Amino acid sequence: VCLTCCSRESMVRINQICHKNGIKFFTGDVFGYHGYMFADLGDHEFVEEKPKVAKASAGVEDGPEAKRARLDPAETTMVKKRLEFCLLRDALAVEWRGEKATAALRRTAPDYFLLQ
């Protein structure tokens, strides 16, 4: 489900219905130069491709050659990952006061508060 130009109450209500039924949910809007986007993919499993780490050979010492020998960009391995997305209601209910919020506050653009 993709929503745009909806009230906050409608977005929260529709997201709760989608999350409960395992339906992916996206919402967003743009206001001039500013905009937002939110995605709730529920329980999301995906595969990530990572460079394969080679075993250290007996004749290679420490140094740049050893580092090159450990990573072979031609060979990759697939790693299965899982993420659990939160509800829009929970994302909007973040408490911005206190010690826990200090790190999150540094990573959050001031525009976020303008859109609120």
PDB file of N, CA and C in Angstrom:
ATOM      1  N   VAL A   1       0.852  -1.170   0.000  1.00  0.00           N
ATOM      2  CA  VAL A   1       0.000   0.000   0.000  1.00  0.00           C
ATOM      3  C   VAL A   1       0.894   1.228   0.000  1.00  0.00           C
ATOM      4  N   CYS A   2       0.618   2.184  -0.873  1.00  0.00           N
ATOM      5  CA  CYS A   2       1.358   3.447  -0.943  1.00  0.00           C
ATOM      6  C   CYS A   2       0.394   4.599  -0.700  1.00  0.00           C
ATOM      7  N   LEU A   3       0.709   5.449   0.266  1.00  0.00           N
ATOM      8  CA  LEU A   3      -0.144   6.597   0.592  1.00  0.00           C
ATOM      9  C   LEU A   3       0.610   7.896   0.385  1.00  0.00           C
ATOM     10  N   THR A   4      -0.116   8.918  -0.035  1.00  0.00           N
ATOM     11  CA  THR A   4       0.400  10.271  -0.099  1.00  0.00           C
ATOM     12  C   THR A   4      -0.776  11.220   0.082  1.00  0.00           C
ATOM     13  N   CYS A   5      -0.499  12.427   0.545  1.00  0.00           N
ATOM     14  CA  CYS A   5      -1.540  13.457   0.750  1.00  0.00           C
ATOM     15  C   CYS A   5      -2.624  12.993   1.718  1.00  0.00           C
ATOM     16  N   CYS A   6      -2.253  12.263   2.761  1.00  0.00           N
ATOM     17  CA  CYS A   6      -3.214  11.770   3.749  1.00  0.00           C
ATOM     18  C   CYS A   6      -2.965  12.445   5.094  1.00  0.00           C
ATOM     19  N   SER A   7      -3.986  12.449   5.922  1.00  0.00           N
ATOM     20  CA  SER A   7      -3.822  12.979   7.276  1.00  0.00           C
ATOM     21  C   SER A   7      -2.980  11.998   8.090  1.00  0.00           C
ATOM     22  N   ARG A   8      -2.385  12.510   9.145  1.00  0.00           N
ATOM     23  CA  ARG A   8      -1.554  11.680  10.018  1.00  0.00           C
ATOM     24  C   ARG A   8      -2.369  10.528  10.616  1.00  0.00           C
ATOM     25  N   GLU A   9      -3.581  10.825  11.027  1.00  0.00           N
ATOM     26  CA  GLU A   9      -4.455   9.802  11.620  1.00  0.00           C
ATOM     27  C   GLU A   9      -4.757   8.687  10.620  1.00  0.00           C
ATOM     28  N   SER A  10      -5.015   9.048   9.370  1.00  0.00           N
ATOM     29  CA  SER A  10      -5.294   8.040   8.336  1.00  0.00           C
ATOM     30  C   SER A  10      -4.073   7.166   8.084  1.00  0.00           C
ATOM     31  N   MET A  11      -2.885   7.798   8.008  1.00  0.00           N
ATOM     32  CA  MET A  11      -1.666   7.029   7.765  1.00  0.00           C
ATOM     33  C   MET A  11      -1.411   6.029   8.892  1.00  0.00           C
ATOM     34  N   VAL A  12      -1.579   6.469  10.146  1.00  0.00           N
ATOM     35  CA  VAL A  12      -1.345   5.592  11.296  1.00  0.00           C
ATOM     36  C   VAL A  12      -2.338   4.437  11.290  1.00  0.00           C
ATOM     37  N   ARG A  13      -3.618   4.732  11.033  1.00  0.00           N
ATOM     38  CA  ARG A  13      -4.662   3.701  11.033  1.00  0.00           C
ATOM     39  C   ARG A  13      -4.436   2.675   9.922  1.00  0.00           C
ATOM     40  N   ILE A  14      -4.140   3.140   8.714  1.00  0.00           N
ATOM     41  CA  ILE A  14      -3.930   2.231   7.580  1.00  0.00           C
ATOM     42  C   ILE A  14      -2.655   1.414   7.787  1.00  0.00           C
ATOM     43  N   ASN A  15      -1.616   2.026   8.356  1.00  0.00           N
ATOM     44  CA  ASN A  15      -0.377   1.294   8.637  1.00  0.00           C
ATOM     45  C   ASN A  15      -0.629   0.173   9.642  1.00  0.00           C
ATOM     46  N   GLN A  16      -1.426   0.422  10.659  1.00  0.00           N
ATOM     47  CA  GLN A  16      -1.735  -0.625  11.644  1.00  0.00           C
ATOM     48  C   GLN A  16      -2.452  -1.802  10.992  1.00  0.00           C
ATOM     49  N   ILE A  17      -3.362  -1.516  10.096  1.00  0.00           N
ATOM     50  CA  ILE A  17      -4.091  -2.580   9.381  1.00  0.00           C
ATOM     51  C   ILE A  17      -3.120  -3.378   8.501  1.00  0.00           C
ATOM     52  N   CYS A  18      -2.269  -2.670   7.769  1.00  0.00           N
ATOM     53  CA  CYS A  18      -1.303  -3.338   6.890  1.00  0.00           C
ATOM     54  C   CYS A  18      -0.333  -4.190   7.703  1.00  0.00           C
ATOM     55  N   HIS A  19       0.206  -3.635   8.787  1.00  0.00           N
ATOM     56  CA  HIS A  19       1.185  -4.350   9.618  1.00  0.00           C
ATOM     57  C   HIS A  19       0.570  -5.631  10.192  1.00  0.00           C
ATOM     58  N   LYS A  20      -0.666  -5.532  10.664  1.00  0.00           N
ATOM     59  CA  LYS A  20      -1.364  -6.684  11.249  1.00  0.00           C
ATOM     60  C   LYS A  20      -1.586  -7.797  10.227  1.00  0.00           C
ATOM     61  N   ASN A  21      -1.762  -7.415   8.957  1.00  0.00           N
ATOM     62  CA  ASN A  21      -2.051  -8.394   7.905  1.00  0.00           C
ATOM     63  C   ASN A  21      -0.842  -8.738   7.038  1.00  0.00           C
ATOM     64  N   GLY A  22       0.344  -8.275   7.426  1.00  0.00           N
ATOM     65  CA  GLY A  22       1.563  -8.613   6.678  1.00  0.00           C
ATOM     66  C   GLY A  22       1.664  -7.951   5.315  1.00  0.00           C
ATOM     67  N   ILE A  23       1.058  -6.782   5.169  1.00  0.00           N
ATOM     68  CA  ILE A  23       1.077  -6.054   3.899  1.00  0.00           C
ATOM     69  C   ILE A  23       2.121  -4.933   3.996  1.00  0.00           C
ATOM     70  N   LYS A  24       2.965  -4.815   2.992  1.00  0.00           N
ATOM     71  CA  LYS A  24       3.992  -3.769   2.988  1.00  0.00           C
ATOM     72  C   LYS A  24       3.326  -2.399   2.849  1.00  0.00           C
ATOM     73  N   PHE A  25       3.891  -1.397   3.545  1.00  0.00           N
ATOM     74  CA  PHE A  25       3.279  -0.074   3.629  1.00  0.00           C
ATOM     75  C   PHE A  25       4.319   1.010   3.366  1.00  0.00           C
ATOM     76  N   PHE A  26       3.985   1.944   2.499  1.00  0.00           N
ATOM     77  CA  PHE A  26       4.845   3.093   2.203  1.00  0.00           C
ATOM     78  C   PHE A  26       3.995   4.354   2.258  1.00  0.00           C
ATOM     79  N   THR A  27       4.560   5.420   2.821  1.00  0.00           N
ATOM     80  CA  THR A  27       3.884   6.712   2.782  1.00  0.00           C
ATOM     81  C   THR A  27       4.924   7.797   2.633  1.00  0.00           C
ATOM     82  N   GLY A  28       4.523   8.900   2.036  1.00  0.00           N
ATOM     83  CA  GLY A  28       5.441  10.013   1.859  1.00  0.00           C
ATOM     84  C   GLY A  28       4.724  11.199   1.269  1.00  0.00           C
ATOM     85  N   ASP A  29       5.400  12.326   1.295  1.00  0.00           N
ATOM     86  CA  ASP A  29       4.846  13.546   0.725  1.00  0.00           C
ATOM     87  C   ASP A  29       5.983  14.549   0.538  1.00  0.00           C
ATOM     88  N   VAL A  30       5.759  15.549  -0.276  1.00  0.00           N
ATOM     89  CA  VAL A  30       6.746  16.587  -0.524  1.00  0.00           C
ATOM     90  C   VAL A  30       6.069  17.933  -0.351  1.00  0.00           C
ATOM     91  N   PHE A  31       6.782  18.841   0.320  1.00  0.00           N
ATOM     92  CA  PHE A  31       6.298  20.200   0.547  1.00  0.00           C
ATOM     93  C   PHE A  31       7.399  21.155   0.089  1.00  0.00           C
ATOM     94  N   GLY A  32       7.408  21.534  -1.174  1.00  0.00           N
ATOM     95  CA  GLY A  32       8.466  22.388  -1.704  1.00  0.00           C
ATOM     96  C   GLY A  32       9.788  21.639  -1.707  1.00  0.00           C
ATOM     97  N   TYR A  33      10.764  22.155  -0.951  1.00  0.00           N
ATOM     98  CA  TYR A  33      12.080  21.519  -0.859  1.00  0.00           C
ATOM     99  C   TYR A  33      12.131  20.415   0.189  1.00  0.00           C
ATOM    100  N   HIS A  34      11.125  20.300   1.002  1.00  0.00           N
ATOM    101  CA  HIS A  34      11.129  19.348   2.113  1.00  0.00           C
ATOM    102  C   HIS A  34      10.146  18.212   1.841  1.00  0.00           C
ATOM    103  N   GLY A  35      10.483  17.038   2.365  1.00  0.00           N
ATOM    104  CA  GLY A  35       9.598  15.900   2.194  1.00  0.00           C
ATOM    105  C   GLY A  35       9.948  14.802   3.167  1.00  0.00           C
ATOM    106  N   TYR A  36       9.146  13.760   3.169  1.00  0.00           N
ATOM    107  CA  TYR A  36       9.397  12.617   4.041  1.00  0.00           C
ATOM    108  C   TYR A  36       8.967  11.347   3.337  1.00  0.00           C
ATOM    109  N   MET A  37       9.470  10.233   3.847  1.00  0.00           N
ATOM    110  CA  MET A  37       9.103   8.914   3.349  1.00  0.00           C
ATOM    111  C   MET A  37       9.200   7.942   4.509  1.00  0.00           C
ATOM    112  N   PHE A  38       8.240   7.066   4.640  1.00  0.00           N
ATOM    113  CA  PHE A  38       8.244   6.047   5.685  1.00  0.00           C
ATOM    114  C   PHE A  38       7.897   4.709   5.041  1.00  0.00           C
ATOM    115  N   ALA A  39       8.610   3.664   5.458  1.00  0.00           N
ATOM    116  CA  ALA A  39       8.350   2.312   4.942  1.00  0.00           C
ATOM    117  C   ALA A  39       8.206   1.347   6.110  1.00  0.00           C
ATOM    118  N   ASP A  40       7.176   0.531   6.072  1.00  0.00           N
ATOM    119  CA  ASP A  40       6.983  -0.550   7.035  1.00  0.00           C
ATOM    120  C   ASP A  40       6.855  -1.828   6.215  1.00  0.00           C
ATOM    121  N   LEU A  41       7.944  -2.602   6.196  1.00  0.00           N
ATOM    122  CA  LEU A  41       7.949  -3.852   5.430  1.00  0.00           C
ATOM    123  C   LEU A  41       7.678  -5.048   6.328  1.00  0.00           C
ATOM    124  N   GLY A  42       7.252  -4.785   7.571  1.00  0.00           N
ATOM    125  CA  GLY A  42       6.947  -5.869   8.505  1.00  0.00           C
ATOM    126  C   GLY A  42       8.184  -6.680   8.809  1.00  0.00           C
ATOM    127  N   ASP A  43       8.053  -7.992   8.773  1.00  0.00           N
ATOM    128  CA  ASP A  43       9.176  -8.914   8.926  1.00  0.00           C
ATOM    129  C   ASP A  43       9.784  -9.095   7.543  1.00  0.00           C
ATOM    130  N   HIS A  44      10.940  -8.508   7.302  1.00  0.00           N
ATOM    131  CA  HIS A  44      11.517  -8.484   5.956  1.00  0.00           C
ATOM    132  C   HIS A  44      12.807  -9.299   5.914  1.00  0.00           C
ATOM    133  N   GLU A  45      12.833 -10.320   5.076  1.00  0.00           N
ATOM    134  CA  GLU A  45      14.036 -11.133   4.883  1.00  0.00           C
ATOM    135  C   GLU A  45      14.636 -10.804   3.529  1.00  0.00           C
ATOM    136  N   PHE A  46      15.969 -10.712   3.491  1.00  0.00           N
ATOM    137  CA  PHE A  46      16.660 -10.411   2.245  1.00  0.00           C
ATOM    138  C   PHE A  46      18.037 -11.043   2.269  1.00  0.00           C
ATOM    139  N   VAL A  47      18.684 -11.065   1.119  1.00  0.00           N
ATOM    140  CA  VAL A  47      20.018 -11.645   0.988  1.00  0.00           C
ATOM    141  C   VAL A  47      20.976 -10.531   0.608  1.00  0.00           C
ATOM    142  N   GLU A  48      22.122 -10.484   1.298  1.00  0.00           N
ATOM    143  CA  GLU A  48      23.142  -9.475   1.031  1.00  0.00           C
ATOM    144  C   GLU A  48      24.392 -10.166   0.509  1.00  0.00           C
ATOM    145  N   GLU A  49      24.978  -9.604  -0.540  1.00  0.00           N
ATOM    146  CA  GLU A  49      26.195 -10.155  -1.136  1.00  0.00           C
ATOM    147  C   GLU A  49      27.404  -9.504  -0.467  1.00  0.00           C
ATOM    148  N   LYS A  50      28.316 -10.325   0.056  1.00  0.00           N
ATOM    149  CA  LYS A  50      29.515  -9.815   0.723  1.00  0.00           C
ATOM    150  C   LYS A  50      30.751 -10.447   0.093  1.00  0.00           C
ATOM    151  N   PRO A  51      31.882  -9.697   0.047  1.00  0.00           N
ATOM    152  CA  PRO A  51      33.122 -10.287  -0.486  1.00  0.00           C
ATOM    153  C   PRO A  51      33.567 -11.455   0.383  1.00  0.00           C
ATOM    154  N   LYS A  52      34.037 -12.493  -0.262  1.00  0.00           N
ATOM    155  CA  LYS A  52      34.486 -13.685   0.460  1.00  0.00           C
ATOM    156  C   LYS A  52      35.863 -13.431   1.056  1.00  0.00           C
ATOM    157  N   VAL A  53      36.064 -13.830   2.300  1.00  0.00           N
ATOM    158  CA  VAL A  53      37.338 -13.675   2.984  1.00  0.00           C
ATOM    159  C   VAL A  53      38.158 -14.929   2.753  1.00  0.00           C
ATOM    160  N   ALA A  54      39.340 -14.744   2.158  1.00  0.00           N
ATOM    161  CA  ALA A  54      40.213 -15.887   1.867  1.00  0.00           C
ATOM    162  C   ALA A  54      41.017 -16.258   3.105  1.00  0.00           C
ATOM    163  N   LYS A  55      41.384 -17.514   3.218  1.00  0.00           N
ATOM    164  CA  LYS A  55      42.231 -17.982   4.326  1.00  0.00           C
ATOM    165  C   LYS A  55      43.641 -17.435   4.142  1.00  0.00           C
ATOM    166  N   ALA A  56      44.308 -17.110   5.239  1.00  0.00           N
ATOM    167  CA  ALA A  56      45.685 -16.602   5.178  1.00  0.00           C
ATOM    168  C   ALA A  56      46.613 -17.728   4.736  1.00  0.00           C
ATOM    169  N   SER A  57      47.452 -17.435   3.753  1.00  0.00           N
ATOM    170  CA  SER A  57      48.402 -18.457   3.297  1.00  0.00           C
ATOM    171  C   SER A  57      49.656 -18.411   4.159  1.00  0.00           C
ATOM    172  N   ALA A  58      50.375 -19.512   4.222  1.00  0.00           N
ATOM    173  CA  ALA A  58      51.539 -19.645   5.114  1.00  0.00           C
ATOM    174  C   ALA A  58      52.677 -18.709   4.741  1.00  0.00           C
ATOM    175  N   GLY A  59      52.884 -18.399   3.468  1.00  0.00           N
ATOM    176  CA  GLY A  59      54.023 -17.600   3.044  1.00  0.00           C
ATOM    177  C   GLY A  59      53.796 -16.098   3.088  1.00  0.00           C
ATOM    178  N   VAL A  60      52.587 -15.631   3.397  1.00  0.00           N
ATOM    179  CA  VAL A  60      52.283 -14.201   3.345  1.00  0.00           C
ATOM    180  C   VAL A  60      52.441 -13.594   4.730  1.00  0.00           C
ATOM    181  N   GLU A  61      53.232 -12.554   4.822  1.00  0.00           N
ATOM    182  CA  GLU A  61      53.466 -11.827   6.079  1.00  0.00           C
ATOM    183  C   GLU A  61      52.371 -10.766   6.247  1.00  0.00           C
ATOM    184  N   ASP A  62      52.468 -10.011   7.332  1.00  0.00           N
ATOM    185  CA  ASP A  62      51.580  -8.858   7.521  1.00  0.00           C
ATOM    186  C   ASP A  62      51.982  -7.756   6.554  1.00  0.00           C
ATOM    187  N   GLY A  63      51.031  -6.945   6.158  1.00  0.00           N
ATOM    188  CA  GLY A  63      51.322  -5.841   5.251  1.00  0.00           C
ATOM    189  C   GLY A  63      50.233  -5.723   4.204  1.00  0.00           C
ATOM    190  N   PRO A  64      50.419  -4.850   3.225  1.00  0.00           N
ATOM    191  CA  PRO A  64      49.383  -4.641   2.205  1.00  0.00           C
ATOM    192  C   PRO A  64      49.071  -5.888   1.387  1.00  0.00           C
ATOM    193  N   GLU A  65      50.100  -6.694   1.108  1.00  0.00           N
ATOM    194  CA  GLU A  65      49.867  -7.916   0.323  1.00  0.00           C
ATOM    195  C   GLU A  65      48.983  -8.891   1.098  1.00  0.00           C
ATOM    196  N   ALA A  66      49.189  -8.960   2.397  1.00  0.00           N
ATOM    197  CA  ALA A  66      48.388  -9.857   3.237  1.00  0.00           C
ATOM    198  C   ALA A  66      46.933  -9.419   3.243  1.00  0.00           C
ATOM    199  N   LYS A  67      46.700  -8.103   3.303  1.00  0.00           N
ATOM    200  CA  LYS A  67      45.326  -7.596   3.281  1.00  0.00           C
ATOM    201  C   LYS A  67      44.664  -7.897   1.950  1.00  0.00           C
ATOM    202  N   ARG A  68      45.406  -7.734   0.854  1.00  0.00           N
ATOM    203  CA  ARG A  68      44.860  -8.037  -0.469  1.00  0.00           C
ATOM    204  C   ARG A  68      44.534  -9.518  -0.590  1.00  0.00           C
ATOM    205  N   ALA A  69      45.351 -10.360   0.010  1.00  0.00           N
ATOM    206  CA  ALA A  69      45.153 -11.811  -0.080  1.00  0.00           C
ATOM    207  C   ALA A  69      43.903 -12.233   0.684  1.00  0.00           C
ATOM    208  N   ARG A  70      43.565 -11.514   1.746  1.00  0.00           N
ATOM    209  CA  ARG A  70      42.402 -11.893   2.564  1.00  0.00           C
ATOM    210  C   ARG A  70      41.077 -11.591   1.876  1.00  0.00           C
ATOM    211  N   LEU A  71      41.009 -10.519   1.090  1.00  0.00           N
ATOM    212  CA  LEU A  71      39.774 -10.149   0.407  1.00  0.00           C
ATOM    213  C   LEU A  71      39.912 -10.382  -1.085  1.00  0.00           C
ATOM    214  N   ASP A  72      39.065 -11.234  -1.607  1.00  0.00           N
ATOM    215  CA  ASP A  72      39.063 -11.487  -3.046  1.00  0.00           C
ATOM    216  C   ASP A  72      37.753 -10.926  -3.593  1.00  0.00           C
ATOM    217  N   PRO A  73      37.790  -9.768  -4.262  1.00  0.00           N
ATOM    218  CA  PRO A  73      36.550  -9.143  -4.719  1.00  0.00           C
ATOM    219  C   PRO A  73      35.804  -9.968  -5.769  1.00  0.00           C
ATOM    220  N   ALA A  74      36.497 -10.888  -6.416  1.00  0.00           N
ATOM    221  CA  ALA A  74      35.842 -11.710  -7.441  1.00  0.00           C
ATOM    222  C   ALA A  74      34.924 -12.746  -6.809  1.00  0.00           C
ATOM    223  N   GLU A  75      35.248 -13.200  -5.607  1.00  0.00           N
ATOM    224  CA  GLU A  75      34.435 -14.206  -4.933  1.00  0.00           C
ATOM    225  C   GLU A  75      33.561 -13.546  -3.880  1.00  0.00           C
ATOM    226  N   THR A  76      32.291 -13.914  -3.878  1.00  0.00           N
ATOM    227  CA  THR A  76      31.361 -13.368  -2.892  1.00  0.00           C
ATOM    228  C   THR A  76      30.596 -14.495  -2.215  1.00  0.00           C
ATOM    229  N   THR A  77      30.043 -14.158  -1.090  1.00  0.00           N
ATOM    230  CA  THR A  77      29.194 -15.096  -0.376  1.00  0.00           C
ATOM    231  C   THR A  77      27.865 -14.404  -0.092  1.00  0.00           C
ATOM    232  N   MET A  78      26.801 -15.148  -0.060  1.00  0.00           N
ATOM    233  CA  MET A  78      25.469 -14.600   0.178  1.00  0.00           C
ATOM    234  C   MET A  78      25.112 -14.787   1.654  1.00  0.00           C
ATOM    235  N   VAL A  79      24.695 -13.703   2.294  1.00  0.00           N
ATOM    236  CA  VAL A  79      24.337 -13.735   3.712  1.00  0.00           C
ATOM    237  C   VAL A  79      22.857 -13.391   3.838  1.00  0.00           C
ATOM    238  N   LYS A  80      22.091 -14.268   4.464  1.00  0.00           N
ATOM    239  CA  LYS A  80      20.665 -14.043   4.656  1.00  0.00           C
ATOM    240  C   LYS A  80      20.473 -13.177   5.894  1.00  0.00           C
ATOM    241  N   LYS A  81      19.663 -12.112   5.764  1.00  0.00           N
ATOM    242  CA  LYS A  81      19.414 -11.199   6.872  1.00  0.00           C
ATOM    243  C   LYS A  81      17.924 -11.001   7.061  1.00  0.00           C
ATOM    244  N   ARG A  82      17.562 -10.528   8.260  1.00  0.00           N
ATOM    245  CA  ARG A  82      16.158 -10.306   8.591  1.00  0.00           C
ATOM    246  C   ARG A  82      16.042  -9.004   9.361  1.00  0.00           C
ATOM    247  N   LEU A  83      15.081  -8.165   8.986  1.00  0.00           N
ATOM    248  CA  LEU A  83      14.794  -6.922   9.687  1.00  0.00           C
ATOM    249  C   LEU A  83      13.329  -6.900  10.086  1.00  0.00           C
ATOM    250  N   GLU A  84      13.054  -6.328  11.236  1.00  0.00           N
ATOM    251  CA  GLU A  84      11.666  -6.156  11.670  1.00  0.00           C
ATOM    252  C   GLU A  84      11.379  -4.664  11.721  1.00  0.00           C
ATOM    253  N   PHE A  85      10.492  -4.194  10.863  1.00  0.00           N
ATOM    254  CA  PHE A  85      10.159  -2.778  10.774  1.00  0.00           C
ATOM    255  C   PHE A  85       9.120  -2.414  11.828  1.00  0.00           C
ATOM    256  N   CYS A  86       9.166  -1.168  12.277  1.00  0.00           N
ATOM    257  CA  CYS A  86       8.220  -0.713  13.307  1.00  0.00           C
ATOM    258  C   CYS A  86       7.000  -0.062  12.658  1.00  0.00           C
ATOM    259  N   LEU A  87       5.983   0.124  13.462  1.00  0.00           N
ATOM    260  CA  LEU A  87       4.774   0.814  13.027  1.00  0.00           C
ATOM    261  C   LEU A  87       5.040   2.313  12.938  1.00  0.00           C
ATOM    262  N   LEU A  88       4.297   3.003  12.081  1.00  0.00           N
ATOM    263  CA  LEU A  88       4.396   4.449  11.958  1.00  0.00           C
ATOM    264  C   LEU A  88       4.084   5.113  13.297  1.00  0.00           C
ATOM    265  N   ARG A  89       3.095   4.596  14.000  1.00  0.00           N
ATOM    266  CA  ARG A  89       2.718   5.134  15.325  1.00  0.00           C
ATOM    267  C   ARG A  89       3.919   5.129  16.269  1.00  0.00           C
ATOM    268  N   ASP A  90       4.686   4.034  16.267  1.00  0.00           N
ATOM    269  CA  ASP A  90       5.855   3.926  17.146  1.00  0.00           C
ATOM    270  C   ASP A  90       6.981   4.864  16.713  1.00  0.00           C
ATOM    271  N   ALA A  91       7.157   5.025  15.409  1.00  0.00           N
ATOM    272  CA  ALA A  91       8.201   5.923  14.903  1.00  0.00           C
ATOM    273  C   ALA A  91       7.895   7.374  15.252  1.00  0.00           C
ATOM    274  N   LEU A  92       6.623   7.732  15.238  1.00  0.00           N
ATOM    275  CA  LEU A  92       6.235   9.105  15.568  1.00  0.00           C
ATOM    276  C   LEU A  92       6.235   9.373  17.068  1.00  0.00           C
ATOM    277  N   ALA A  93       6.239   8.317  17.880  1.00  0.00           N
ATOM    278  CA  ALA A  93       6.156   8.464  19.336  1.00  0.00           C
ATOM    279  C   ALA A  93       7.525   8.508  20.005  1.00  0.00           C
ATOM    280  N   VAL A  94       8.586   8.716  19.251  1.00  0.00           N
ATOM    281  CA  VAL A  94       9.940   8.763  19.822  1.00  0.00           C
ATOM    282  C   VAL A  94      10.030   9.921  20.810  1.00  0.00           C
ATOM    283  N   GLU A  95      10.608   9.658  21.967  1.00  0.00           N
ATOM    284  CA  GLU A  95      10.820  10.695  22.985  1.00  0.00           C
ATOM    285  C   GLU A  95      12.149  11.383  22.675  1.00  0.00           C
ATOM    286  N   TRP A  96      12.129  12.677  22.451  1.00  0.00           N
ATOM    287  CA  TRP A  96      13.315  13.421  22.038  1.00  0.00           C
ATOM    288  C   TRP A  96      14.051  14.071  23.207  1.00  0.00           C
ATOM    289  N   ARG A  97      13.629  13.806  24.430  1.00  0.00           N
ATOM    290  CA  ARG A  97      14.312  14.345  25.605  1.00  0.00           C
ATOM    291  C   ARG A  97      15.030  13.219  26.322  1.00  0.00           C
ATOM    292  N   GLY A  98      16.123  13.544  26.980  1.00  0.00           N
ATOM    293  CA  GLY A  98      16.836  12.551  27.765  1.00  0.00           C
ATOM    294  C   GLY A  98      18.132  12.113  27.106  1.00  0.00           C
ATOM    295  N   GLU A  99      18.894  11.297  27.848  1.00  0.00           N
ATOM    296  CA  GLU A  99      20.211  10.857  27.388  1.00  0.00           C
ATOM    297  C   GLU A  99      20.130   9.921  26.183  1.00  0.00           C
ATOM    298  N   LYS A 100      19.126   9.045  26.169  1.00  0.00           N
ATOM    299  CA  LYS A 100      19.009   8.093  25.055  1.00  0.00           C
ATOM    300  C   LYS A 100      18.771   8.796  23.725  1.00  0.00           C
ATOM    301  N   ALA A 101      18.101   9.930  23.756  1.00  0.00           N
ATOM    302  CA  ALA A 101      17.753  10.630  22.526  1.00  0.00           C
ATOM    303  C   ALA A 101      18.893  11.473  21.975  1.00  0.00           C
ATOM    304  N   THR A 102      19.934  11.701  22.755  1.00  0.00           N
ATOM    305  CA  THR A 102      21.020  12.579  22.330  1.00  0.00           C
ATOM    306  C   THR A 102      21.667  12.108  21.030  1.00  0.00           C
ATOM    307  N   ALA A 103      21.994  10.838  20.920  1.00  0.00           N
ATOM    308  CA  ALA A 103      22.623  10.306  19.707  1.00  0.00           C
ATOM    309  C   ALA A 103      21.654  10.374  18.522  1.00  0.00           C
ATOM    310  N   ALA A 104      20.397  10.029  18.752  1.00  0.00           N
ATOM    311  CA  ALA A 104      19.399  10.071  17.679  1.00  0.00           C
ATOM    312  C   ALA A 104      19.173  11.503  17.216  1.00  0.00           C
ATOM    313  N   LEU A 105      19.227  12.442  18.142  1.00  0.00           N
ATOM    314  CA  LEU A 105      19.030  13.849  17.813  1.00  0.00           C
ATOM    315  C   LEU A 105      20.132  14.362  16.892  1.00  0.00           C
ATOM    316  N   ARG A 106      21.364  13.902  17.106  1.00  0.00           N
ATOM    317  CA  ARG A 106      22.485  14.312  16.246  1.00  0.00           C
ATOM    318  C   ARG A 106      22.335  13.762  14.831  1.00  0.00           C
ATOM    319  N   ARG A 107      21.713  12.598  14.687  1.00  0.00           N
ATOM    320  CA  ARG A 107      21.562  11.973  13.365  1.00  0.00           C
ATOM    321  C   ARG A 107      20.301  12.446  12.637  1.00  0.00           C
ATOM    322  N   THR A 108      19.457  13.218  13.297  1.00  0.00           N
ATOM    323  CA  THR A 108      18.179  13.626  12.721  1.00  0.00           C
ATOM    324  C   THR A 108      18.269  15.042  12.167  1.00  0.00           C
ATOM    325  N   ALA A 109      17.881  15.202  10.915  1.00  0.00           N
ATOM    326  CA  ALA A 109      17.911  16.517  10.277  1.00  0.00           C
ATOM    327  C   ALA A 109      16.874  17.438  10.932  1.00  0.00           C
ATOM    328  N   PRO A 110      17.190  18.710  11.077  1.00  0.00           N
ATOM    329  CA  PRO A 110      16.232  19.660  11.660  1.00  0.00           C
ATOM    330  C   PRO A 110      14.920  19.721  10.875  1.00  0.00           C
ATOM    331  N   ASP A 111      14.977  19.405   9.576  1.00  0.00           N
ATOM    332  CA  ASP A 111      13.771  19.410   8.747  1.00  0.00           C
ATOM    333  C   ASP A 111      12.694  18.478   9.289  1.00  0.00           C
ATOM    334  N   TYR A 112      13.116  17.397   9.951  1.00  0.00           N
ATOM    335  CA  TYR A 112      12.158  16.430  10.501  1.00  0.00           C
ATOM    336  C   TYR A 112      11.187  17.140  11.446  1.00  0.00           C
ATOM    337  N   PHE A 113      11.709  18.021  12.268  1.00  0.00           N
ATOM    338  CA  PHE A 113      10.871  18.713  13.255  1.00  0.00           C
ATOM    339  C   PHE A 113       9.982  19.754  12.588  1.00  0.00           C
ATOM    340  N   LEU A 114      10.445  20.339  11.481  1.00  0.00           N
ATOM    341  CA  LEU A 114       9.602  21.256  10.732  1.00  0.00           C
ATOM    342  C   LEU A 114       8.388  20.533  10.155  1.00  0.00           C
ATOM    343  N   LEU A 115       8.618  19.310   9.651  1.00  0.00           N
ATOM    344  CA  LEU A 115       7.521  18.533   9.057  1.00  0.00           C
ATOM    345  C   LEU A 115       6.530  18.048  10.108  1.00  0.00           C
ATOM    346  N   GLN A 116       7.003  17.903  11.342  1.00  0.00           N
ATOM    347  CA  GLN A 116       6.103  17.474  12.413  1.00  0.00           C
ATOM    348  C   GLN A 116       5.097  18.568  12.719  1.00  0.00           C
TER     349      GLN A 116
END
